[in-house]
Amino acid sequence: FQTVLFGIRAKFPGVSQLATEDLAESLQAADDGAAGGSGKTLLLDSRAPEEFAVNHLPNAINVDYKDPAAALQIVREASPRRVVCYCSVGYRSSSLAQQLSAELTDSSDAAASQSPPPSVANLEGSIFKWANESRPMVDGSGRPTEFAHPYSSMWGRLLRSELWKWD
């Protein structure tokens, strides 16, 4: 797993990486991680809808990492202090975080806003690391789950096999 994380950091050097432990601690605060980003942190799950349906972080919003404009609109409407992107291991979410960060810190966007832009980070190790650590997740119906979508048989090797669930 460490080799994959190193590769992601090398590919996206400007993207802030947030440790799962740090996100878990901040989400325990009463006013953080509220649905739709009404708290301090907006969680963006950049996986495919079928992956999101199997498992995701509570209160996360599913976005298409290939459509950063739609994700940017969600961020602007939610007005969070922090945006945390995640996917299976962190590649798709780092790509999205990089694009969002660039758009949000663009001088014309910042000038139009009354408040400073939110910080943007990738959840290092993303949902595979989160699931491997037995942290809280929900399924598409909002029910707690311990299972995770493995993305593919190759990438799923980074996820404990007893957690695998395709649909």
C-alpha atoms as a PDB file:
ATOM      1  CA  PHE A   1       0.000   0.000   0.000  1.00  0.00           C
ATOM      2  CA  GLN A   2       2.825   2.415   0.844  1.00  0.00           C
ATOM      3  CA  THR A   3       4.222   2.134  -2.693  1.00  0.00           C
ATOM      4  CA  VAL A   4       0.866   3.140  -4.164  1.00  0.00           C
ATOM      5  CA  LEU A   5       0.578   6.094  -1.780  1.00  0.00           C
ATOM      6  CA  PHE A   6       4.101   7.199  -2.650  1.00  0.00           C
ATOM      7  CA  GLY A   7       3.224   7.046  -6.354  1.00  0.00           C
ATOM      8  CA  ILE A   8       0.106   9.139  -5.843  1.00  0.00           C
ATOM      9  CA  ARG A   9       2.026  11.753  -3.852  1.00  0.00           C
ATOM     10  CA  ALA A  10       4.660  11.853  -6.632  1.00  0.00           C
ATOM     11  CA  LYS A  11       2.013  12.244  -9.366  1.00  0.00           C
ATOM     12  CA  PHE A  12       0.133  14.976  -7.459  1.00  0.00           C
ATOM     13  CA  PRO A  13       2.811  16.829  -5.433  1.00  0.00           C
ATOM     14  CA  GLY A  14       0.684  19.935  -4.929  1.00  0.00           C
ATOM     15  CA  VAL A  15      -2.256  18.069  -3.408  1.00  0.00           C
ATOM     16  CA  SER A  16      -2.543  18.105   0.364  1.00  0.00           C
ATOM     17  CA  GLN A  17      -2.861  14.578   1.775  1.00  0.00           C
ATOM     18  CA  LEU A  18      -5.038  14.121   4.871  1.00  0.00           C
ATOM     19  CA  ALA A  19      -4.469  11.112   7.120  1.00  0.00           C
ATOM     20  CA  THR A  20      -7.478   8.914   7.855  1.00  0.00           C
ATOM     21  CA  GLU A  21      -6.862   9.361  11.587  1.00  0.00           C
ATOM     22  CA  ASP A  22      -7.055  13.144  11.251  1.00  0.00           C
ATOM     23  CA  LEU A  23     -10.292  13.033   9.267  1.00  0.00           C
ATOM     24  CA  ALA A  24     -11.868  10.563  11.705  1.00  0.00           C
ATOM     25  CA  GLU A  25     -11.028  12.841  14.646  1.00  0.00           C
ATOM     26  CA  SER A  26     -12.407  15.960  12.981  1.00  0.00           C
ATOM     27  CA  LEU A  27     -15.623  14.228  11.885  1.00  0.00           C
ATOM     28  CA  GLN A  28     -16.354  13.366  15.506  1.00  0.00           C
ATOM     29  CA  ALA A  29     -16.832  17.072  16.231  1.00  0.00           C
ATOM     30  CA  ALA A  30     -20.548  17.853  16.523  1.00  0.00           C
ATOM     31  CA  ASP A  31     -20.671  20.478  13.765  1.00  0.00           C
ATOM     32  CA  ASP A  32     -18.403  18.773  11.219  1.00  0.00           C
ATOM     33  CA  GLY A  33     -19.175  16.451   8.339  1.00  0.00           C
ATOM     34  CA  ALA A  34     -22.866  17.316   8.199  1.00  0.00           C
ATOM     35  CA  ALA A  35     -24.821  16.197   5.151  1.00  0.00           C
ATOM     36  CA  GLY A  36     -24.268  18.395   2.138  1.00  0.00           C
ATOM     37  CA  GLY A  37     -21.293  20.095   3.715  1.00  0.00           C
ATOM     38  CA  SER A  38     -23.245  22.307   6.107  1.00  0.00           C
ATOM     39  CA  GLY A  39     -20.518  21.613   8.660  1.00  0.00           C
ATOM     40  CA  LYS A  40     -16.876  22.520   8.293  1.00  0.00           C
ATOM     41  CA  THR A  41     -15.963  19.596   6.030  1.00  0.00           C
ATOM     42  CA  LEU A  42     -17.489  18.591   2.702  1.00  0.00           C
ATOM     43  CA  LEU A  43     -16.740  14.982   1.742  1.00  0.00           C
ATOM     44  CA  LEU A  44     -16.615  14.267  -1.991  1.00  0.00           C
ATOM     45  CA  ASP A  45     -16.555  10.628  -3.089  1.00  0.00           C
ATOM     46  CA  SER A  46     -15.123  10.574  -6.607  1.00  0.00           C
ATOM     47  CA  ARG A  47     -15.864   6.914  -7.334  1.00  0.00           C
ATOM     48  CA  ALA A  48     -18.422   5.522  -9.773  1.00  0.00           C
ATOM     49  CA  PRO A  49     -22.047   5.381  -8.560  1.00  0.00           C
ATOM     50  CA  GLU A  50     -21.948   1.572  -8.276  1.00  0.00           C
ATOM     51  CA  GLU A  51     -18.951   1.830  -5.930  1.00  0.00           C
ATOM     52  CA  PHE A  52     -20.668   4.563  -3.887  1.00  0.00           C
ATOM     53  CA  ALA A  53     -23.785   2.375  -3.561  1.00  0.00           C
ATOM     54  CA  VAL A  54     -21.779  -0.383  -1.850  1.00  0.00           C
ATOM     55  CA  ASN A  55     -20.043   1.881   0.647  1.00  0.00           C
ATOM     56  CA  HIS A  56     -19.086   5.463   1.350  1.00  0.00           C
ATOM     57  CA  LEU A  57     -18.264   7.739   4.234  1.00  0.00           C
ATOM     58  CA  PRO A  58     -21.352   9.012   6.078  1.00  0.00           C
ATOM     59  CA  ASN A  59     -22.653  12.273   4.587  1.00  0.00           C
ATOM     60  CA  ALA A  60     -20.380  12.072   1.538  1.00  0.00           C
ATOM     61  CA  ILE A  61     -21.603  13.319  -1.828  1.00  0.00           C
ATOM     62  CA  ASN A  62     -20.877  11.250  -4.925  1.00  0.00           C
ATOM     63  CA  VAL A  63     -19.273  13.267  -7.745  1.00  0.00           C
ATOM     64  CA  ASP A  64     -17.701  12.399 -11.077  1.00  0.00           C
ATOM     65  CA  TYR A  65     -13.986  13.121 -10.910  1.00  0.00           C
ATOM     66  CA  LYS A  66     -14.076  13.671 -14.687  1.00  0.00           C
ATOM     67  CA  ASP A  67     -16.544  16.545 -14.172  1.00  0.00           C
ATOM     68  CA  PRO A  68     -14.769  18.978 -11.858  1.00  0.00           C
ATOM     69  CA  ALA A  69     -17.143  21.787 -12.864  1.00  0.00           C
ATOM     70  CA  ALA A  70     -20.091  19.944 -11.290  1.00  0.00           C
ATOM     71  CA  ALA A  71     -18.046  19.213  -8.168  1.00  0.00           C
ATOM     72  CA  LEU A  72     -16.992  22.869  -8.015  1.00  0.00           C
ATOM     73  CA  GLN A  73     -20.647  23.921  -8.108  1.00  0.00           C
ATOM     74  CA  ILE A  74     -21.392  21.626  -5.162  1.00  0.00           C
ATOM     75  CA  VAL A  75     -18.485  23.124  -3.221  1.00  0.00           C
ATOM     76  CA  ARG A  76     -19.596  26.675  -3.944  1.00  0.00           C
ATOM     77  CA  GLU A  77     -23.174  25.927  -2.849  1.00  0.00           C
ATOM     78  CA  ALA A  78     -22.074  24.203   0.359  1.00  0.00           C
ATOM     79  CA  SER A  79     -19.504  26.855   1.367  1.00  0.00           C
ATOM     80  CA  PRO A  80     -17.440  24.496   3.556  1.00  0.00           C
ATOM     81  CA  ARG A  81     -14.185  25.396   5.283  1.00  0.00           C
ATOM     82  CA  ARG A  82     -12.576  22.222   3.996  1.00  0.00           C
ATOM     83  CA  VAL A  83     -13.165  19.821   1.115  1.00  0.00           C
ATOM     84  CA  VAL A  84     -11.909  16.246   1.407  1.00  0.00           C
ATOM     85  CA  CYS A  85     -11.924  14.131  -1.735  1.00  0.00           C
ATOM     86  CA  TYR A  86     -11.568  10.363  -1.727  1.00  0.00           C
ATOM     87  CA  CYS A  87     -11.916   7.372  -4.047  1.00  0.00           C
ATOM     88  CA  SER A  88     -10.629   3.801  -3.722  1.00  0.00           C
ATOM     89  CA  VAL A  89      -6.915   4.434  -3.131  1.00  0.00           C
ATOM     90  CA  GLY A  90      -6.495   8.131  -3.936  1.00  0.00           C
ATOM     91  CA  TYR A  91      -5.656   8.585  -7.617  1.00  0.00           C
ATOM     92  CA  ARG A  92      -9.044   9.768  -8.893  1.00  0.00           C
ATOM     93  CA  SER A  93      -9.622  11.870  -5.792  1.00  0.00           C
ATOM     94  CA  SER A  94      -6.169  13.472  -5.988  1.00  0.00           C
ATOM     95  CA  SER A  95      -6.928  14.430  -9.580  1.00  0.00           C
ATOM     96  CA  LEU A  96     -10.204  16.006  -8.478  1.00  0.00           C
ATOM     97  CA  ALA A  97      -8.594  17.718  -5.470  1.00  0.00           C
ATOM     98  CA  GLN A  98      -5.914  19.209  -7.719  1.00  0.00           C
ATOM     99  CA  GLN A  99      -8.508  20.605 -10.125  1.00  0.00           C
ATOM    100  CA  LEU A 100     -10.769  21.950  -7.368  1.00  0.00           C
ATOM    101  CA  SER A 101      -7.886  23.580  -5.551  1.00  0.00           C
ATOM    102  CA  ALA A 102      -6.750  25.326  -8.717  1.00  0.00           C
ATOM    103  CA  GLU A 103     -10.270  26.604  -9.468  1.00  0.00           C
ATOM    104  CA  LEU A 104     -10.977  27.719  -5.903  1.00  0.00           C
ATOM    105  CA  THR A 105      -7.739  29.643  -5.547  1.00  0.00           C
ATOM    106  CA  ASP A 106      -8.059  31.289  -8.958  1.00  0.00           C
ATOM    107  CA  SER A 107      -7.844  35.032  -8.356  1.00  0.00           C
ATOM    108  CA  SER A 108     -11.113  35.801 -10.160  1.00  0.00           C
ATOM    109  CA  ASP A 109     -12.997  33.203  -8.085  1.00  0.00           C
ATOM    110  CA  ALA A 110     -11.425  34.399  -4.838  1.00  0.00           C
ATOM    111  CA  ALA A 111     -12.201  38.026  -5.655  1.00  0.00           C
ATOM    112  CA  ALA A 112     -15.879  37.224  -6.223  1.00  0.00           C
ATOM    113  CA  SER A 113     -16.182  35.575  -2.808  1.00  0.00           C
ATOM    114  CA  GLN A 114     -16.488  37.311   0.539  1.00  0.00           C
ATOM    115  CA  SER A 115     -14.748  34.481   2.395  1.00  0.00           C
ATOM    116  CA  PRO A 116     -11.477  32.672   1.785  1.00  0.00           C
ATOM    117  CA  PRO A 117     -11.705  29.551  -0.359  1.00  0.00           C
ATOM    118  CA  PRO A 118     -11.910  26.228   1.472  1.00  0.00           C
ATOM    119  CA  SER A 119      -8.839  24.095   1.836  1.00  0.00           C
ATOM    120  CA  VAL A 120      -8.884  21.037  -0.405  1.00  0.00           C
ATOM    121  CA  ALA A 121      -7.270  17.705   0.458  1.00  0.00           C
ATOM    122  CA  ASN A 122      -7.183  14.111  -0.651  1.00  0.00           C
ATOM    123  CA  LEU A 123      -7.893  11.423   1.937  1.00  0.00           C
ATOM    124  CA  GLU A 124      -4.617   9.518   1.842  1.00  0.00           C
ATOM    125  CA  GLY A 125      -5.277   5.844   1.184  1.00  0.00           C
ATOM    126  CA  SER A 126      -8.890   6.818   0.540  1.00  0.00           C
ATOM    127  CA  ILE A 127     -11.731   4.434   1.327  1.00  0.00           C
ATOM    128  CA  PHE A 128      -9.578   1.284   1.124  1.00  0.00           C
ATOM    129  CA  LYS A 129      -7.413   2.495   4.010  1.00  0.00           C
ATOM    130  CA  TRP A 130     -10.511   3.770   5.841  1.00  0.00           C
ATOM    131  CA  ALA A 131     -12.260   0.372   5.455  1.00  0.00           C
ATOM    132  CA  ASN A 132      -9.112  -1.590   6.372  1.00  0.00           C
ATOM    133  CA  GLU A 133      -9.031   0.423   9.626  1.00  0.00           C
ATOM    134  CA  SER A 134     -12.684  -0.502  10.339  1.00  0.00           C
ATOM    135  CA  ARG A 135     -13.848   3.105  10.328  1.00  0.00           C
ATOM    136  CA  PRO A 136     -17.562   3.988   9.884  1.00  0.00           C
ATOM    137  CA  MET A 137     -19.095   3.580   6.435  1.00  0.00           C
ATOM    138  CA  VAL A 138     -22.620   3.382   5.085  1.00  0.00           C
ATOM    139  CA  ASP A 139     -24.192   1.749   2.043  1.00  0.00           C
ATOM    140  CA  GLY A 140     -26.382   3.390  -0.593  1.00  0.00           C
ATOM    141  CA  SER A 141     -29.376   3.261   1.768  1.00  0.00           C
ATOM    142  CA  GLY A 142     -27.458   4.941   4.575  1.00  0.00           C
ATOM    143  CA  ARG A 143     -27.165   1.754   6.653  1.00  0.00           C
ATOM    144  CA  PRO A 144     -23.846   1.015   8.377  1.00  0.00           C
ATOM    145  CA  THR A 145     -21.662  -1.423   6.471  1.00  0.00           C
ATOM    146  CA  GLU A 146     -18.236  -2.960   6.830  1.00  0.00           C
ATOM    147  CA  PHE A 147     -18.065  -3.976   3.164  1.00  0.00           C
ATOM    148  CA  ALA A 148     -16.300  -2.042   0.426  1.00  0.00           C
ATOM    149  CA  HIS A 149     -16.353  -2.108  -3.346  1.00  0.00           C
ATOM    150  CA  PRO A 150     -12.912  -3.398  -4.439  1.00  0.00           C
ATOM    151  CA  TYR A 151     -12.915  -1.394  -7.723  1.00  0.00           C
ATOM    152  CA  SER A 152     -11.141  -4.228  -9.561  1.00  0.00           C
ATOM    153  CA  SER A 153      -9.529  -7.536  -8.685  1.00  0.00           C
ATOM    154  CA  MET A 154      -6.091  -5.941  -9.114  1.00  0.00           C
ATOM    155  CA  TRP A 155      -6.686  -2.828  -6.986  1.00  0.00           C
ATOM    156  CA  GLY A 156      -8.858  -4.788  -4.570  1.00  0.00           C
ATOM    157  CA  ARG A 157      -5.710  -6.528  -3.341  1.00  0.00           C
ATOM    158  CA  LEU A 158      -5.113  -3.371  -1.283  1.00  0.00           C
ATOM    159  CA  LEU A 159      -8.401  -3.999   0.535  1.00  0.00           C
ATOM    160  CA  ARG A 160      -8.805  -6.795   3.061  1.00  0.00           C
ATOM    161  CA  SER A 161     -10.518  -9.578   1.094  1.00  0.00           C
ATOM    162  CA  GLU A 162     -13.207 -10.191   3.729  1.00  0.00           C
ATOM    163  CA  LEU A 163     -14.436  -6.633   3.076  1.00  0.00           C
ATOM    164  CA  TRP A 164     -15.043  -7.123  -0.657  1.00  0.00           C
ATOM    165  CA  LYS A 165     -18.545  -6.609  -2.019  1.00  0.00           C
ATOM    166  CA  TRP A 166     -19.268  -5.950  -5.699  1.00  0.00           C
ATOM    167  CA  ASP A 167     -22.919  -4.884  -5.412  1.00  0.00           C
END
